[in-house]
């Protein structure tokens, strides 16, 4: 379950990277183009650009396993969510609104660390796929003490 204090972080302009694996445990990943917390934190929808996510989608169709990293460029605050994709389909108009909002927020986030807007504007984003993830684990991945620990079990600083 995603705690409410992470909802805004996940839906903001953080960098979102998705990791999957195939049946032989070979990894594949892509940059996602936003996420939306669902079901009061029991799940989330992550958006995958069609142009860059073919391998990821094939893995999700095969085994449903996913890891998603959410990282804020300004301070490297990072969490990882692991789970199972229970629905995968082409994104709709409601999803497009979320993706467009994310792109504006990502541009702002990246500009704070010197990334020009032209990179955000060029990022593949539409058409996209909507992947609903049932959350099974959340981990702190911010560099430093406690990185890798389940959320709420970080070692003291």
N, C-alpha and C. Protein backbone atom coordinates (compact mmCIF):
# COMPACT_ATOMS: atom_id res chain seq x y z
N UNK A 1 0.85 -1.18 0.00
CA UNK A 1 0.00 0.00 0.00
C UNK A 1 0.89 1.24 0.00
N UNK A 2 0.63 2.13 -0.92
CA UNK A 2 1.38 3.38 -0.99
C UNK A 2 0.84 4.32 0.09
N UNK A 3 1.71 4.81 0.98
CA UNK A 3 1.23 5.73 2.01
C UNK A 3 0.84 7.08 1.39
N UNK A 4 -0.20 7.72 1.94
CA UNK A 4 -0.68 8.99 1.37
C UNK A 4 0.41 10.05 1.22
N UNK A 5 1.41 10.05 2.09
CA UNK A 5 2.45 11.07 1.99
C UNK A 5 3.31 10.91 0.72
N UNK A 6 3.18 9.79 0.01
CA UNK A 6 3.92 9.60 -1.24
C UNK A 6 3.10 9.88 -2.49
N UNK A 7 1.80 10.07 -2.35
CA UNK A 7 0.94 10.28 -3.52
C UNK A 7 1.44 11.44 -4.38
N UNK A 8 1.65 12.59 -3.76
CA UNK A 8 2.07 13.78 -4.51
C UNK A 8 3.44 13.57 -5.15
N UNK A 9 4.36 12.95 -4.41
CA UNK A 9 5.70 12.67 -4.94
C UNK A 9 5.61 11.83 -6.22
N UNK A 10 4.85 10.75 -6.18
CA UNK A 10 4.73 9.84 -7.31
C UNK A 10 4.11 10.54 -8.52
N UNK A 11 3.16 11.42 -8.29
CA UNK A 11 2.45 12.08 -9.38
C UNK A 11 3.09 13.40 -9.82
N UNK A 12 4.22 13.75 -9.23
CA UNK A 12 4.89 15.01 -9.57
C UNK A 12 5.82 14.80 -10.76
N UNK A 13 6.75 15.70 -10.95
CA UNK A 13 7.68 15.63 -12.08
C UNK A 13 8.92 14.83 -11.81
N UNK A 14 8.81 13.77 -11.03
CA UNK A 14 9.97 12.91 -10.76
C UNK A 14 10.29 12.08 -11.99
N UNK A 15 11.53 11.65 -12.09
CA UNK A 15 11.93 10.74 -13.15
C UNK A 15 11.34 9.37 -12.84
N UNK A 16 10.71 8.74 -13.83
CA UNK A 16 10.06 7.44 -13.62
C UNK A 16 10.67 6.43 -14.59
N UNK A 17 11.34 5.43 -14.02
CA UNK A 17 11.96 4.37 -14.82
C UNK A 17 11.33 3.04 -14.46
N UNK A 18 11.03 2.25 -15.48
CA UNK A 18 10.37 0.96 -15.31
C UNK A 18 11.35 -0.15 -15.65
N UNK A 19 11.37 -1.18 -14.82
CA UNK A 19 12.18 -2.35 -15.09
C UNK A 19 11.33 -3.60 -15.11
N UNK A 20 11.63 -4.49 -16.06
CA UNK A 20 10.94 -5.78 -16.17
C UNK A 20 12.00 -6.83 -16.48
N UNK A 21 11.54 -8.08 -16.59
CA UNK A 21 12.46 -9.16 -16.97
C UNK A 21 11.70 -10.20 -17.77
N UNK A 22 12.46 -10.92 -18.59
CA UNK A 22 11.82 -11.96 -19.39
C UNK A 22 11.92 -13.30 -18.66
N UNK A 23 11.50 -14.37 -19.31
CA UNK A 23 11.48 -15.70 -18.69
C UNK A 23 12.88 -16.20 -18.34
N UNK A 24 13.90 -15.70 -19.04
CA UNK A 24 15.28 -16.11 -18.75
C UNK A 24 15.96 -15.15 -17.77
N UNK A 25 15.17 -14.23 -17.20
CA UNK A 25 15.62 -13.23 -16.23
C UNK A 25 16.49 -12.13 -16.84
N UNK A 26 16.43 -11.95 -18.16
CA UNK A 26 17.12 -10.84 -18.78
C UNK A 26 16.27 -9.58 -18.61
N UNK A 27 16.90 -8.48 -18.17
CA UNK A 27 16.14 -7.27 -17.89
C UNK A 27 15.82 -6.46 -19.14
N UNK A 28 14.78 -5.66 -19.03
CA UNK A 28 14.45 -4.66 -20.04
C UNK A 28 13.76 -3.52 -19.29
N UNK A 29 13.93 -2.32 -19.78
CA UNK A 29 13.33 -1.18 -19.11
C UNK A 29 13.07 -0.05 -20.07
N UNK A 30 12.39 0.95 -19.57
CA UNK A 30 12.14 2.16 -20.35
C UNK A 30 11.79 3.30 -19.38
N UNK A 31 11.86 4.50 -19.91
CA UNK A 31 11.40 5.66 -19.16
C UNK A 31 9.89 5.72 -19.29
N UNK A 32 9.21 5.83 -18.16
CA UNK A 32 7.76 6.00 -18.18
C UNK A 32 7.45 7.49 -18.32
N UNK A 33 6.22 7.79 -18.63
CA UNK A 33 5.82 9.18 -18.84
C UNK A 33 4.72 9.57 -17.87
N UNK A 34 4.94 9.19 -16.62
CA UNK A 34 4.03 9.57 -15.56
C UNK A 34 3.38 8.38 -14.88
N UNK A 35 2.73 8.70 -13.78
CA UNK A 35 2.04 7.68 -12.99
C UNK A 35 0.89 8.33 -12.24
N UNK A 36 -0.08 7.52 -11.91
CA UNK A 36 -1.25 8.00 -11.15
C UNK A 36 -1.54 6.98 -10.05
N UNK A 37 -1.62 7.45 -8.81
CA UNK A 37 -1.97 6.58 -7.69
C UNK A 37 -3.44 6.22 -7.81
N UNK A 38 -3.76 4.96 -7.56
CA UNK A 38 -5.13 4.45 -7.70
C UNK A 38 -5.54 3.71 -6.42
N UNK A 39 -6.83 3.55 -6.25
CA UNK A 39 -7.39 2.72 -5.17
C UNK A 39 -6.82 3.07 -3.80
N UNK A 40 -6.73 4.37 -3.51
CA UNK A 40 -6.22 4.84 -2.22
C UNK A 40 -4.84 4.29 -1.89
N UNK A 41 -4.03 4.05 -2.91
CA UNK A 41 -2.67 3.59 -2.70
C UNK A 41 -2.46 2.10 -2.84
N UNK A 42 -3.50 1.34 -3.09
CA UNK A 42 -3.34 -0.11 -3.28
C UNK A 42 -2.72 -0.42 -4.64
N UNK A 43 -2.81 0.54 -5.54
CA UNK A 43 -2.26 0.34 -6.87
C UNK A 43 -1.88 1.66 -7.50
N UNK A 44 -1.30 1.57 -8.67
CA UNK A 44 -0.98 2.77 -9.43
C UNK A 44 -0.99 2.41 -10.90
N UNK A 45 -1.20 3.43 -11.71
CA UNK A 45 -1.11 3.27 -13.16
C UNK A 45 0.15 3.98 -13.60
N UNK A 46 0.95 3.30 -14.38
CA UNK A 46 2.17 3.88 -14.94
C UNK A 46 1.99 3.91 -16.46
N UNK A 47 2.46 4.98 -17.09
CA UNK A 47 2.26 5.19 -18.52
C UNK A 47 3.55 4.92 -19.28
N UNK A 48 3.45 4.06 -20.29
CA UNK A 48 4.60 3.61 -21.07
C UNK A 48 4.48 4.10 -22.51
N UNK A 49 5.47 4.85 -23.01
CA UNK A 49 5.39 5.29 -24.40
C UNK A 49 5.43 4.11 -25.36
N UNK A 50 4.54 4.08 -26.30
CA UNK A 50 4.49 2.99 -27.27
C UNK A 50 5.83 2.85 -28.00
N UNK A 51 6.45 3.97 -28.35
CA UNK A 51 7.66 3.96 -29.17
C UNK A 51 8.86 3.30 -28.49
N UNK A 52 8.87 3.26 -27.16
CA UNK A 52 10.07 2.78 -26.46
C UNK A 52 9.82 1.62 -25.51
N UNK A 53 8.62 1.09 -25.49
CA UNK A 53 8.30 0.10 -24.45
C UNK A 53 7.92 -1.29 -24.97
N UNK A 54 8.24 -1.61 -26.21
CA UNK A 54 7.83 -2.91 -26.76
C UNK A 54 8.36 -4.08 -25.94
N UNK A 55 9.64 -4.06 -25.58
CA UNK A 55 10.21 -5.15 -24.79
C UNK A 55 9.61 -5.23 -23.41
N UNK A 56 9.40 -4.08 -22.79
CA UNK A 56 8.78 -4.03 -21.47
C UNK A 56 7.37 -4.62 -21.53
N UNK A 57 6.60 -4.22 -22.52
CA UNK A 57 5.23 -4.73 -22.65
C UNK A 57 5.21 -6.23 -22.89
N UNK A 58 6.14 -6.72 -23.70
CA UNK A 58 6.21 -8.17 -23.95
C UNK A 58 6.48 -8.91 -22.64
N UNK A 59 7.39 -8.38 -21.83
CA UNK A 59 7.67 -9.01 -20.54
C UNK A 59 6.46 -8.97 -19.62
N UNK A 60 5.75 -7.86 -19.62
CA UNK A 60 4.56 -7.74 -18.77
C UNK A 60 3.47 -8.70 -19.21
N UNK A 61 3.32 -8.89 -20.50
CA UNK A 61 2.34 -9.86 -20.99
C UNK A 61 2.73 -11.27 -20.55
N UNK A 62 4.04 -11.54 -20.48
CA UNK A 62 4.54 -12.86 -20.13
C UNK A 62 4.45 -13.16 -18.64
N UNK A 63 4.93 -12.23 -17.80
CA UNK A 63 5.04 -12.57 -16.37
C UNK A 63 4.49 -11.53 -15.40
N UNK A 64 4.11 -10.37 -15.89
CA UNK A 64 3.44 -9.33 -15.09
C UNK A 64 4.32 -8.64 -14.04
N UNK A 65 5.56 -9.06 -13.85
CA UNK A 65 6.43 -8.50 -12.81
C UNK A 65 6.99 -7.15 -13.26
N UNK A 66 7.00 -6.16 -12.33
CA UNK A 66 7.47 -4.82 -12.65
C UNK A 66 8.11 -4.19 -11.42
N UNK A 67 9.13 -3.39 -11.68
CA UNK A 67 9.73 -2.52 -10.66
C UNK A 67 9.75 -1.12 -11.26
N UNK A 68 9.35 -0.15 -10.46
CA UNK A 68 9.27 1.23 -10.93
C UNK A 68 10.05 2.11 -9.98
N UNK A 69 11.01 2.86 -10.52
CA UNK A 69 11.78 3.80 -9.71
C UNK A 69 11.28 5.22 -9.94
N UNK A 70 11.06 5.92 -8.84
CA UNK A 70 10.63 7.32 -8.88
C UNK A 70 11.73 8.13 -8.22
N UNK A 71 12.37 9.03 -8.96
CA UNK A 71 13.52 9.76 -8.43
C UNK A 71 13.40 11.25 -8.75
N UNK A 72 13.58 12.08 -7.71
CA UNK A 72 13.52 13.53 -7.90
C UNK A 72 14.93 14.03 -8.22
N UNK A 73 15.13 14.62 -9.39
CA UNK A 73 16.47 15.04 -9.79
C UNK A 73 17.14 16.05 -8.85
N UNK A 74 16.40 16.94 -8.26
CA UNK A 74 17.00 18.00 -7.45
C UNK A 74 17.74 17.48 -6.22
N UNK A 75 17.24 16.41 -5.61
CA UNK A 75 17.88 15.90 -4.38
C UNK A 75 18.08 14.39 -4.37
N UNK A 76 17.74 13.74 -5.46
CA UNK A 76 17.89 12.28 -5.63
C UNK A 76 17.01 11.46 -4.69
N UNK A 77 16.00 12.08 -4.08
CA UNK A 77 15.06 11.28 -3.29
C UNK A 77 14.46 10.25 -4.24
N UNK A 78 14.54 8.98 -3.84
CA UNK A 78 14.12 7.91 -4.73
C UNK A 78 13.39 6.82 -3.97
N UNK A 79 12.29 6.36 -4.55
CA UNK A 79 11.61 5.17 -4.03
C UNK A 79 11.45 4.19 -5.18
N UNK A 80 11.31 2.93 -4.82
CA UNK A 80 11.06 1.89 -5.81
C UNK A 80 9.80 1.15 -5.39
N UNK A 81 8.93 0.94 -6.35
CA UNK A 81 7.72 0.16 -6.11
C UNK A 81 7.80 -1.10 -6.95
N UNK A 82 7.53 -2.23 -6.31
CA UNK A 82 7.49 -3.51 -7.02
C UNK A 82 6.07 -4.05 -6.96
N UNK A 83 5.69 -4.75 -8.01
CA UNK A 83 4.35 -5.31 -8.03
C UNK A 83 4.08 -6.13 -9.26
N UNK A 84 2.80 -6.33 -9.50
CA UNK A 84 2.33 -7.11 -10.64
C UNK A 84 1.35 -6.27 -11.45
N UNK A 85 1.54 -6.27 -12.76
CA UNK A 85 0.63 -5.56 -13.65
C UNK A 85 -0.60 -6.45 -13.87
N UNK A 86 -1.76 -5.90 -13.56
CA UNK A 86 -3.00 -6.67 -13.72
C UNK A 86 -3.81 -6.23 -14.93
N UNK A 87 -3.51 -5.04 -15.48
CA UNK A 87 -4.17 -4.56 -16.69
C UNK A 87 -3.14 -3.79 -17.53
N UNK A 88 -3.15 -4.04 -18.82
CA UNK A 88 -2.26 -3.35 -19.75
C UNK A 88 -3.06 -3.07 -21.02
N UNK A 89 -3.24 -1.78 -21.34
CA UNK A 89 -4.04 -1.40 -22.51
C UNK A 89 -3.59 -0.05 -23.03
N UNK A 90 -4.01 0.28 -24.23
CA UNK A 90 -3.69 1.60 -24.77
C UNK A 90 -4.29 2.68 -23.88
N UNK A 91 -3.53 3.73 -23.67
CA UNK A 91 -3.97 4.84 -22.84
C UNK A 91 -5.14 5.56 -23.51
N UNK A 92 -6.01 6.14 -22.66
CA UNK A 92 -7.19 6.85 -23.16
C UNK A 92 -7.05 8.35 -22.89
N UNK A 93 -8.12 9.11 -23.13
CA UNK A 93 -8.08 10.56 -22.96
C UNK A 93 -7.79 10.97 -21.52
N UNK A 94 -8.35 10.26 -20.55
CA UNK A 94 -8.07 10.57 -19.14
C UNK A 94 -6.58 10.38 -18.85
N UNK A 95 -6.01 9.32 -19.39
CA UNK A 95 -4.58 9.06 -19.23
C UNK A 95 -3.76 10.15 -19.90
N UNK A 96 -4.20 10.59 -21.07
CA UNK A 96 -3.46 11.63 -21.81
C UNK A 96 -3.37 12.90 -20.99
N UNK A 97 -4.43 13.26 -20.28
CA UNK A 97 -4.40 14.45 -19.41
C UNK A 97 -3.32 14.29 -18.35
N UNK A 98 -3.23 13.12 -17.76
CA UNK A 98 -2.22 12.85 -16.73
C UNK A 98 -0.81 12.91 -17.34
N UNK A 99 -0.64 12.34 -18.52
CA UNK A 99 0.65 12.36 -19.20
C UNK A 99 1.06 13.79 -19.53
N UNK A 100 0.15 14.59 -20.05
CA UNK A 100 0.46 15.98 -20.38
C UNK A 100 0.85 16.77 -19.14
N UNK A 101 0.13 16.57 -18.05
CA UNK A 101 0.45 17.24 -16.78
C UNK A 101 1.84 16.81 -16.30
N UNK A 102 2.13 15.52 -16.40
CA UNK A 102 3.44 15.01 -15.99
C UNK A 102 4.56 15.65 -16.81
N UNK A 103 4.38 15.77 -18.10
CA UNK A 103 5.42 16.36 -18.96
C UNK A 103 5.74 17.79 -18.55
N UNK A 104 4.73 18.57 -18.19
CA UNK A 104 4.96 19.93 -17.71
C UNK A 104 5.75 19.89 -16.41
N UNK A 105 5.35 19.02 -15.49
CA UNK A 105 6.05 18.90 -14.20
C UNK A 105 7.47 18.37 -14.37
N UNK A 106 7.67 17.41 -15.27
CA UNK A 106 9.00 16.88 -15.51
C UNK A 106 9.92 17.95 -16.09
N UNK A 107 9.40 18.74 -17.02
CA UNK A 107 10.19 19.83 -17.59
C UNK A 107 10.66 20.78 -16.50
N UNK A 108 9.76 21.12 -15.59
CA UNK A 108 10.12 22.00 -14.47
C UNK A 108 11.17 21.35 -13.58
N UNK A 109 10.99 20.09 -13.28
CA UNK A 109 11.91 19.34 -12.43
C UNK A 109 13.30 19.25 -13.07
N UNK A 110 13.34 18.91 -14.34
CA UNK A 110 14.63 18.79 -15.03
C UNK A 110 15.30 20.14 -15.22
N UNK A 111 14.51 21.19 -15.43
CA UNK A 111 15.11 22.52 -15.63
C UNK A 111 15.84 22.98 -14.38
N UNK A 112 15.40 22.52 -13.22
CA UNK A 112 16.07 22.88 -11.96
C UNK A 112 17.49 22.32 -11.87
N UNK A 113 17.79 21.30 -12.66
CA UNK A 113 19.13 20.72 -12.66
C UNK A 113 19.83 20.94 -14.01
N UNK A 114 19.31 21.88 -14.79
CA UNK A 114 19.99 22.30 -16.00
C UNK A 114 19.66 21.57 -17.28
N UNK A 115 18.63 20.73 -17.28
CA UNK A 115 18.24 20.02 -18.51
C UNK A 115 17.32 20.93 -19.33
N UNK A 116 17.71 21.24 -20.56
CA UNK A 116 16.89 22.13 -21.39
C UNK A 116 15.52 21.52 -21.73
N UNK A 117 14.54 22.38 -21.89
CA UNK A 117 13.17 21.95 -22.21
C UNK A 117 13.10 21.12 -23.48
N UNK A 118 14.00 21.35 -24.42
CA UNK A 118 13.92 20.62 -25.69
C UNK A 118 14.02 19.11 -25.49
N UNK A 119 14.69 18.66 -24.40
CA UNK A 119 14.79 17.23 -24.14
C UNK A 119 13.45 16.67 -23.65
N UNK A 120 12.76 17.41 -22.81
CA UNK A 120 11.45 16.98 -22.34
C UNK A 120 10.45 16.98 -23.49
N UNK A 121 10.52 18.02 -24.30
CA UNK A 121 9.58 18.15 -25.41
C UNK A 121 9.74 17.02 -26.43
N UNK A 122 10.95 16.51 -26.59
CA UNK A 122 11.22 15.46 -27.58
C UNK A 122 10.96 14.05 -27.05
N UNK A 123 10.80 13.91 -25.76
CA UNK A 123 10.62 12.57 -25.19
C UNK A 123 9.37 11.90 -25.76
N UNK A 124 9.52 10.64 -26.14
CA UNK A 124 8.37 9.88 -26.64
C UNK A 124 7.29 9.86 -25.56
N UNK A 125 6.05 10.13 -25.97
CA UNK A 125 4.99 10.16 -24.96
C UNK A 125 3.62 9.70 -25.48
N UNK A 126 3.38 9.78 -26.79
CA UNK A 126 2.06 9.41 -27.30
C UNK A 126 2.20 8.81 -28.69
N UNK A 127 1.52 7.73 -28.96
CA UNK A 127 0.59 7.01 -28.10
C UNK A 127 1.32 6.33 -26.94
N UNK A 128 0.53 5.95 -25.97
CA UNK A 128 1.08 5.35 -24.76
C UNK A 128 0.22 4.18 -24.31
N UNK A 129 0.80 3.40 -23.42
CA UNK A 129 0.12 2.27 -22.80
C UNK A 129 -0.08 2.57 -21.33
N UNK A 130 -1.17 2.10 -20.81
CA UNK A 130 -1.53 2.26 -19.40
C UNK A 130 -1.38 0.90 -18.72
N UNK A 131 -0.53 0.86 -17.70
CA UNK A 131 -0.29 -0.40 -16.98
C UNK A 131 -0.71 -0.22 -15.52
N UNK A 132 -1.74 -0.95 -15.10
CA UNK A 132 -2.17 -0.89 -13.71
C UNK A 132 -1.35 -1.88 -12.90
N UNK A 133 -0.75 -1.38 -11.82
CA UNK A 133 0.15 -2.18 -10.99
C UNK A 133 -0.46 -2.39 -9.61
N UNK A 134 -0.57 -3.63 -9.21
CA UNK A 134 -0.95 -3.97 -7.84
C UNK A 134 0.35 -3.90 -7.02
N UNK A 135 0.40 -2.98 -6.06
CA UNK A 135 1.62 -2.74 -5.28
C UNK A 135 1.86 -3.88 -4.30
N UNK A 136 3.09 -4.42 -4.34
CA UNK A 136 3.47 -5.50 -3.43
C UNK A 136 4.60 -5.10 -2.49
N UNK A 137 5.36 -4.08 -2.84
CA UNK A 137 6.45 -3.64 -1.98
C UNK A 137 6.93 -2.26 -2.36
N UNK A 138 7.38 -1.50 -1.36
CA UNK A 138 7.92 -0.16 -1.59
C UNK A 138 9.25 -0.09 -0.86
N UNK A 139 10.26 0.43 -1.55
CA UNK A 139 11.61 0.44 -1.00
C UNK A 139 12.22 1.83 -1.12
N UNK A 140 12.96 2.21 -0.09
CA UNK A 140 13.72 3.45 -0.12
C UNK A 140 14.95 3.21 -0.98
N UNK A 141 15.18 4.07 -1.96
CA UNK A 141 16.35 3.91 -2.83
C UNK A 141 17.18 5.19 -2.90
N UNK A 142 16.87 6.17 -2.05
CA UNK A 142 17.67 7.38 -2.00
C UNK A 142 19.09 6.97 -1.60
N UNK A 143 20.11 7.43 -2.34
CA UNK A 143 21.47 7.07 -1.97
C UNK A 143 21.78 7.43 -0.51
N UNK A 144 22.43 6.51 0.19
CA UNK A 144 22.80 6.75 1.57
C UNK A 144 22.33 5.64 2.48
N UNK A 145 22.44 5.87 3.80
CA UNK A 145 22.03 4.85 4.77
C UNK A 145 20.56 4.47 4.57
N UNK A 146 20.30 3.20 4.58
CA UNK A 146 18.93 2.72 4.44
C UNK A 146 18.51 2.43 3.02
N UNK A 147 19.34 2.78 2.03
CA UNK A 147 18.96 2.50 0.65
C UNK A 147 18.74 1.01 0.46
N UNK A 148 17.64 0.66 -0.16
CA UNK A 148 17.30 -0.74 -0.40
C UNK A 148 16.37 -1.33 0.63
N UNK A 149 16.19 -0.63 1.74
CA UNK A 149 15.33 -1.14 2.81
C UNK A 149 13.86 -0.93 2.45
N UNK A 150 13.00 -1.84 2.90
CA UNK A 150 11.57 -1.59 2.73
C UNK A 150 11.19 -0.26 3.37
N UNK A 151 10.31 0.48 2.74
CA UNK A 151 9.88 1.77 3.27
C UNK A 151 9.38 1.60 4.69
N UNK A 152 9.84 2.45 5.58
CA UNK A 152 9.46 2.37 6.99
C UNK A 152 10.44 1.57 7.83
N UNK A 153 11.42 0.93 7.19
CA UNK A 153 12.41 0.14 7.91
C UNK A 153 13.83 0.64 7.64
N UNK A 154 13.95 1.92 7.25
CA UNK A 154 15.26 2.48 6.95
C UNK A 154 16.12 2.47 8.20
N UNK A 155 17.41 2.31 8.02
CA UNK A 155 18.32 2.38 9.16
C UNK A 155 18.47 3.83 9.59
N UNK A 156 18.76 4.07 10.88
CA UNK A 156 18.91 5.45 11.34
C UNK A 156 20.06 6.14 10.62
N UNK A 157 19.90 7.42 10.43
CA UNK A 157 20.94 8.20 9.74
C UNK A 157 22.05 8.60 10.67
